[in-house]
C-alpha cells in the first residue's frame, strides 16, 4: 500500500507541475501579447504625431514636391489610426480615444470619427474618462520631444498646428459622445 501511495503522489505531483508550467506559459504568452500591443500603440501614436508635424511644417510641405518618392504609398497617419483601432482591448480603446489630442483635420477627422463610431458603446467609457488638460499637456510634451530629437529637420513646426487646445478637445469629446449615444453609424458603412 505505501508503494501505491508513493506512486500516486508522484503522479499527482507531476500533473500539478505540468498544470503550473502550462499556466506560466499562458501567462507569459498573454504578457508578451500585451507588450507587443503596447509597442504597436506607441509606434502608431508616434506616427500620427510625426505625420501631422511634417504635414504642417514648411519643410514637410516642400517634401512631396521636391522628392515625390517620399510621398508614395499608403498614408502613414491613416495606417497608424487603423492599427490602433484594429483591436478592442482596453489599451487600444484608450489609445484611440486619446487621439483626440491631435488636430486631425479634413479626411483625417472624418476617418477618426468613423473609427470612434464603429466602436460605438465600447469606446464611450474611454471618452468620458479623458482629461482635456492632461491630453493637451501630453501632446505638447510629445511634440517637444519629437522636435528635440529631429533638430532643424522639421523647420518651423509648431505645437499649435499639431495639438488641440483643451477647449477643442472638450468640445470634440462631447460631440463624439453625442454621436455615439444617438446611435450614428460610420459614414464608410
C-alpha atoms as a PDB file:
ATOM      1  CA  UNK A   1       0.000   0.000   0.000  1.00  0.00           C
ATOM      2  CA  UNK A   2       2.715   2.554   0.796  1.00  0.00           C
ATOM      3  CA  UNK A   3       4.273   1.928  -2.636  1.00  0.00           C
ATOM      4  CA  UNK A   4       0.982   2.703  -4.416  1.00  0.00           C
ATOM      5  CA  UNK A   5       0.548   5.909  -2.412  1.00  0.00           C
ATOM      6  CA  UNK A   6       4.099   6.863  -3.259  1.00  0.00           C
ATOM      7  CA  UNK A   7       3.478   6.437  -6.998  1.00  0.00           C
ATOM      8  CA  UNK A   8       0.037   8.060  -6.726  1.00  0.00           C
ATOM      9  CA  UNK A   9       1.612  11.066  -5.054  1.00  0.00           C
ATOM     10  CA  UNK A  10       4.286  11.276  -7.755  1.00  0.00           C
ATOM     11  CA  UNK A  11       1.630  11.135 -10.464  1.00  0.00           C
ATOM     12  CA  UNK A  12      -0.366  13.848  -8.725  1.00  0.00           C
ATOM     13  CA  UNK A  13       2.785  15.931  -8.243  1.00  0.00           C
ATOM     14  CA  UNK A  14       3.753  15.594 -11.937  1.00  0.00           C
ATOM     15  CA  UNK A  15       0.238  16.541 -13.050  1.00  0.00           C
ATOM     16  CA  UNK A  16       0.271  19.589 -10.776  1.00  0.00           C
ATOM     17  CA  UNK A  17       3.693  20.626 -12.077  1.00  0.00           C
ATOM     18  CA  UNK A  18       2.518  20.318 -15.690  1.00  0.00           C
ATOM     19  CA  UNK A  19      -0.547  22.434 -14.908  1.00  0.00           C
ATOM     20  CA  UNK A  20       1.623  25.070 -13.253  1.00  0.00           C
ATOM     21  CA  UNK A  21       4.012  25.171 -16.205  1.00  0.00           C
ATOM     22  CA  UNK A  22       1.097  25.487 -18.619  1.00  0.00           C
ATOM     23  CA  UNK A  23      -0.269  28.341 -16.525  1.00  0.00           C
ATOM     24  CA  UNK A  24       3.116  30.063 -16.605  1.00  0.00           C
ATOM     25  CA  UNK A  25       3.290  29.598 -20.377  1.00  0.00           C
ATOM     26  CA  UNK A  26      -0.221  31.036 -20.889  1.00  0.00           C
ATOM     27  CA  UNK A  27       0.566  33.961 -18.595  1.00  0.00           C
ATOM     28  CA  UNK A  28       3.850  34.575 -20.423  1.00  0.00           C
ATOM     29  CA  UNK A  29       2.012  34.451 -23.756  1.00  0.00           C
ATOM     30  CA  UNK A  30      -0.561  36.979 -22.544  1.00  0.00           C
ATOM     31  CA  UNK A  31       2.165  39.238 -21.164  1.00  0.00           C
ATOM     32  CA  UNK A  32       4.084  39.067 -24.438  1.00  0.00           C
ATOM     33  CA  UNK A  33       0.911  39.884 -26.386  1.00  0.00           C
ATOM     34  CA  UNK A  34       0.183  42.883 -24.131  1.00  0.00           C
ATOM     35  CA  UNK A  35       3.760  44.094 -24.525  1.00  0.00           C
ATOM     36  CA  UNK A  36       3.555  43.760 -28.309  1.00  0.00           C
ATOM     37  CA  UNK A  37       0.262  45.650 -28.300  1.00  0.00           C
ATOM     38  CA  UNK A  38       1.751  48.471 -26.212  1.00  0.00           C
ATOM     39  CA  UNK A  39       4.685  48.712 -28.632  1.00  0.00           C
ATOM     40  CA  UNK A  40       2.277  48.823 -31.605  1.00  0.00           C
ATOM     41  CA  UNK A  41       0.205  51.536 -29.944  1.00  0.00           C
ATOM     42  CA  UNK A  42       3.290  53.596 -29.071  1.00  0.00           C
ATOM     43  CA  UNK A  43       4.654  53.349 -32.622  1.00  0.00           C
ATOM     44  CA  UNK A  44       1.264  54.251 -34.088  1.00  0.00           C
ATOM     45  CA  UNK A  45       0.852  57.275 -31.816  1.00  0.00           C
ATOM     46  CA  UNK A  46       4.336  58.490 -32.740  1.00  0.00           C
ATOM     47  CA  UNK A  47       3.464  58.010 -36.424  1.00  0.00           C
ATOM     48  CA  UNK A  48       0.340  60.174 -36.014  1.00  0.00           C
ATOM     49  CA  UNK A  49       2.376  62.889 -34.291  1.00  0.00           C
ATOM     50  CA  UNK A  50       5.203  62.776 -36.843  1.00  0.00           C
ATOM     51  CA  UNK A  51       2.813  62.785 -39.804  1.00  0.00           C
ATOM     52  CA  UNK A  52       0.923  65.807 -38.508  1.00  0.00           C
ATOM     53  CA  UNK A  53       4.135  67.637 -37.657  1.00  0.00           C
ATOM     54  CA  UNK A  54       5.664  67.009 -41.072  1.00  0.00           C
ATOM     55  CA  UNK A  55       2.457  67.955 -42.872  1.00  0.00           C
ATOM     56  CA  UNK A  56       2.231  71.273 -41.030  1.00  0.00           C
ATOM     57  CA  UNK A  57       5.898  72.278 -41.203  1.00  0.00           C
ATOM     58  CA  UNK A  58       7.420  74.323 -44.008  1.00  0.00           C
ATOM     59  CA  UNK A  59       9.991  71.633 -44.807  1.00  0.00           C
ATOM     60  CA  UNK A  60       7.297  68.968 -44.887  1.00  0.00           C
ATOM     61  CA  UNK A  61       5.167  70.972 -47.291  1.00  0.00           C
ATOM     62  CA  UNK A  62       8.050  71.035 -49.801  1.00  0.00           C
ATOM     63  CA  UNK A  63       8.958  67.390 -49.315  1.00  0.00           C
ATOM     64  CA  UNK A  64       6.471  65.817 -51.741  1.00  0.00           C
ATOM     65  CA  UNK A  65       7.147  68.469 -54.386  1.00  0.00           C
ATOM     66  CA  UNK A  66      10.931  68.178 -54.234  1.00  0.00           C
ATOM     67  CA  UNK A  67      11.091  64.427 -53.634  1.00  0.00           C
ATOM     68  CA  UNK A  68       7.904  62.743 -54.875  1.00  0.00           C
ATOM     69  CA  UNK A  69       9.110  59.293 -53.855  1.00  0.00           C
ATOM     70  CA  UNK A  70       8.851  60.439 -50.216  1.00  0.00           C
ATOM     71  CA  UNK A  71       5.072  60.518 -50.536  1.00  0.00           C
ATOM     72  CA  UNK A  72       4.477  57.270 -52.419  1.00  0.00           C
ATOM     73  CA  UNK A  73       2.413  54.558 -50.788  1.00  0.00           C
ATOM     74  CA  UNK A  74      -0.272  54.430 -48.147  1.00  0.00           C
ATOM     75  CA  UNK A  75      -0.707  57.329 -45.786  1.00  0.00           C
ATOM     76  CA  UNK A  76       1.203  56.743 -42.551  1.00  0.00           C
ATOM     77  CA  UNK A  77      -1.322  58.623 -40.405  1.00  0.00           C
ATOM     78  CA  UNK A  78      -4.286  56.608 -41.705  1.00  0.00           C
ATOM     79  CA  UNK A  79      -2.387  53.359 -41.196  1.00  0.00           C
ATOM     80  CA  UNK A  80      -1.466  54.368 -37.650  1.00  0.00           C
ATOM     81  CA  UNK A  81      -5.069  55.188 -36.732  1.00  0.00           C
ATOM     82  CA  UNK A  82      -6.237  51.893 -38.249  1.00  0.00           C
ATOM     83  CA  UNK A  83      -3.603  49.959 -36.311  1.00  0.00           C
ATOM     84  CA  UNK A  84      -4.752  51.497 -33.032  1.00  0.00           C
ATOM     85  CA  UNK A  85      -8.407  50.801 -33.870  1.00  0.00           C
ATOM     86  CA  UNK A  86      -7.769  47.217 -35.011  1.00  0.00           C
ATOM     87  CA  UNK A  87      -8.133  45.756 -31.510  1.00  0.00           C
ATOM     88  CA  UNK A  88     -10.912  46.047 -28.964  1.00  0.00           C
ATOM     89  CA  UNK A  89      -8.715  45.791 -25.888  1.00  0.00           C
ATOM     90  CA  UNK A  90      -8.782  48.411 -23.151  1.00  0.00           C
ATOM     91  CA  UNK A  91      -5.326  49.643 -24.165  1.00  0.00           C
ATOM     92  CA  UNK A  92      -6.323  50.106 -27.801  1.00  0.00           C
ATOM     93  CA  UNK A  93      -9.664  51.724 -26.985  1.00  0.00           C
ATOM     94  CA  UNK A  94      -7.923  54.131 -24.585  1.00  0.00           C
ATOM     95  CA  UNK A  95      -5.299  54.971 -27.209  1.00  0.00           C
ATOM     96  CA  UNK A  96      -7.951  55.512 -29.884  1.00  0.00           C
ATOM     97  CA  UNK A  97      -9.983  57.816 -27.660  1.00  0.00           C
ATOM     98  CA  UNK A  98      -6.885  59.805 -26.699  1.00  0.00           C
ATOM     99  CA  UNK A  99      -6.046  60.624 -30.324  1.00  0.00           C
ATOM    100  CA  UNK A 100      -8.490  63.500 -29.826  1.00  0.00           C
ATOM    101  CA  UNK A 101      -5.466  65.464 -28.563  1.00  0.00           C
ATOM    102  CA  UNK A 102      -4.219  65.863 -32.134  1.00  0.00           C
ATOM    103  CA  UNK A 103      -5.516  68.327 -34.724  1.00  0.00           C
ATOM    104  CA  UNK A 104      -6.943  65.863 -37.187  1.00  0.00           C
ATOM    105  CA  UNK A 105      -8.456  67.975 -39.947  1.00  0.00           C
ATOM    106  CA  UNK A 106     -10.307  67.121 -43.134  1.00  0.00           C
ATOM    107  CA  UNK A 107     -10.251  63.482 -44.170  1.00  0.00           C
ATOM    108  CA  UNK A 108      -8.278  62.515 -41.048  1.00  0.00           C
ATOM    109  CA  UNK A 109     -11.018  63.951 -38.846  1.00  0.00           C
ATOM    110  CA  UNK A 110     -13.661  62.016 -40.782  1.00  0.00           C
ATOM    111  CA  UNK A 111     -11.620  58.813 -40.516  1.00  0.00           C
ATOM    112  CA  UNK A 112     -11.188  59.336 -36.773  1.00  0.00           C
ATOM    113  CA  UNK A 113     -14.904  59.981 -36.271  1.00  0.00           C
ATOM    114  CA  UNK A 114     -15.726  56.832 -38.250  1.00  0.00           C
ATOM    115  CA  UNK A 115     -13.331  54.764 -36.128  1.00  0.00           C
ATOM    116  CA  UNK A 116     -14.974  56.049 -32.935  1.00  0.00           C
ATOM    117  CA  UNK A 117     -18.483  55.428 -34.264  1.00  0.00           C
ATOM    118  CA  UNK A 118     -17.503  51.918 -35.343  1.00  0.00           C
ATOM    119  CA  UNK A 119     -16.508  51.165 -31.750  1.00  0.00           C
ATOM    120  CA  UNK A 120     -19.875  52.503 -30.589  1.00  0.00           C
ATOM    121  CA  UNK A 121     -20.651  51.932 -26.902  1.00  0.00           C
ATOM    122  CA  UNK A 122     -17.319  50.175 -26.298  1.00  0.00           C
ATOM    123  CA  UNK A 123     -15.404  53.464 -26.664  1.00  0.00           C
ATOM    124  CA  UNK A 124     -17.811  55.547 -24.566  1.00  0.00           C
ATOM    125  CA  UNK A 125     -16.232  54.929 -21.122  1.00  0.00           C
ATOM    126  CA  UNK A 126     -12.808  55.748 -22.525  1.00  0.00           C
ATOM    127  CA  UNK A 127     -14.019  59.043 -23.972  1.00  0.00           C
ATOM    128  CA  UNK A 128     -15.756  60.036 -20.738  1.00  0.00           C
ATOM    129  CA  UNK A 129     -12.613  59.340 -18.690  1.00  0.00           C
ATOM    130  CA  UNK A 130     -10.417  61.682 -20.747  1.00  0.00           C
ATOM    131  CA  UNK A 131      -8.997  64.877 -19.280  1.00  0.00           C
ATOM    132  CA  UNK A 132      -8.629  67.644 -21.880  1.00  0.00           C
ATOM    133  CA  UNK A 133      -5.931  69.329 -19.796  1.00  0.00           C
ATOM    134  CA  UNK A 134      -3.875  66.148 -19.458  1.00  0.00           C
ATOM    135  CA  UNK A 135      -4.276  65.340 -23.170  1.00  0.00           C
ATOM    136  CA  UNK A 136      -3.213  68.825 -24.251  1.00  0.00           C
ATOM    137  CA  UNK A 137      -0.165  68.717 -21.977  1.00  0.00           C
ATOM    138  CA  UNK A 138       0.684  65.213 -23.241  1.00  0.00           C
ATOM    139  CA  UNK A 139       0.540  66.375 -26.864  1.00  0.00           C
ATOM    140  CA  UNK A 140       2.726  69.428 -26.208  1.00  0.00           C
ATOM    141  CA  UNK A 141       5.268  67.239 -24.403  1.00  0.00           C
ATOM    142  CA  UNK A 142       5.302  64.619 -27.172  1.00  0.00           C
ATOM    143  CA  UNK A 143       5.703  67.370 -29.768  1.00  0.00           C
ATOM    144  CA  UNK A 144       8.630  68.930 -27.879  1.00  0.00           C
ATOM    145  CA  UNK A 145      10.349  65.531 -27.669  1.00  0.00           C
ATOM    146  CA  UNK A 146       9.898  64.956 -31.409  1.00  0.00           C
ATOM    147  CA  UNK A 147      11.285  68.391 -32.285  1.00  0.00           C
ATOM    148  CA  UNK A 148      14.204  67.909 -29.884  1.00  0.00           C
ATOM    149  CA  UNK A 149      15.111  64.556 -31.495  1.00  0.00           C
ATOM    150  CA  UNK A 150      14.642  65.873 -35.037  1.00  0.00           C
ATOM    151  CA  UNK A 151      16.548  69.108 -34.675  1.00  0.00           C
ATOM    152  CA  UNK A 152      16.101  71.583 -37.516  1.00  0.00           C
ATOM    153  CA  UNK A 153      14.763  68.951 -39.937  1.00  0.00           C
ATOM    154  CA  UNK A 154      11.180  69.926 -39.147  1.00  0.00           C
ATOM    155  CA  UNK A 155      11.645  73.603 -39.987  1.00  0.00           C
ATOM    156  CA  UNK A 156       9.127  75.916 -38.381  1.00  0.00           C
ATOM    157  CA  UNK A 157       6.951  73.214 -36.811  1.00  0.00           C
ATOM    158  CA  UNK A 158       4.694  74.448 -34.045  1.00  0.00           C
ATOM    159  CA  UNK A 159       2.734  72.529 -31.411  1.00  0.00           C
ATOM    160  CA  UNK A 160      -0.234  74.841 -32.021  1.00  0.00           C
ATOM    161  CA  UNK A 161      -0.544  73.303 -35.503  1.00  0.00           C
ATOM    162  CA  UNK A 162      -0.489  69.752 -34.160  1.00  0.00           C
ATOM    163  CA  UNK A 163      -2.036  69.819 -30.678  1.00  0.00           C
ATOM    164  CA  UNK A 164      -5.613  70.765 -29.953  1.00  0.00           C
ATOM    165  CA  UNK A 165      -6.495  73.215 -27.216  1.00  0.00           C
ATOM    166  CA  UNK A 166      -8.210  71.991 -24.072  1.00  0.00           C
ATOM    167  CA  UNK A 167     -11.467  73.619 -25.207  1.00  0.00           C
ATOM    168  CA  UNK A 168     -11.278  71.965 -28.633  1.00  0.00           C
ATOM    169  CA  UNK A 169     -10.593  68.575 -27.028  1.00  0.00           C
ATOM    170  CA  UNK A 170     -13.525  69.009 -24.655  1.00  0.00           C
ATOM    171  CA  UNK A 171     -15.862  70.035 -27.491  1.00  0.00           C
ATOM    172  CA  UNK A 172     -14.828  67.098 -29.673  1.00  0.00           C
ATOM    173  CA  UNK A 173     -15.268  64.595 -26.852  1.00  0.00           C
ATOM    174  CA  UNK A 174     -18.769  65.974 -26.266  1.00  0.00           C
ATOM    175  CA  UNK A 175     -19.588  65.804 -29.995  1.00  0.00           C
ATOM    176  CA  UNK A 176     -18.317  62.216 -30.246  1.00  0.00           C
ATOM    177  CA  UNK A 177     -20.258  61.083 -27.184  1.00  0.00           C
ATOM    178  CA  UNK A 178     -23.456  62.651 -28.537  1.00  0.00           C
ATOM    179  CA  UNK A 179     -22.999  60.896 -31.885  1.00  0.00           C
ATOM    180  CA  UNK A 180     -22.395  57.538 -30.192  1.00  0.00           C
ATOM    181  CA  UNK A 181     -25.393  57.940 -27.876  1.00  0.00           C
ATOM    182  CA  UNK A 182     -27.588  58.856 -30.848  1.00  0.00           C
ATOM    183  CA  UNK A 183     -26.513  55.614 -32.497  1.00  0.00           C
ATOM    184  CA  UNK A 184     -24.883  57.213 -35.542  1.00  0.00           C
ATOM    185  CA  UNK A 185     -23.026  54.837 -37.836  1.00  0.00           C
ATOM    186  CA  UNK A 186     -19.703  55.434 -39.582  1.00  0.00           C
ATOM    187  CA  UNK A 187     -20.036  57.099 -42.956  1.00  0.00           C
ATOM    188  CA  UNK A 188     -17.933  54.349 -44.510  1.00  0.00           C
ATOM    189  CA  UNK A 189     -20.686  51.773 -43.823  1.00  0.00           C
END
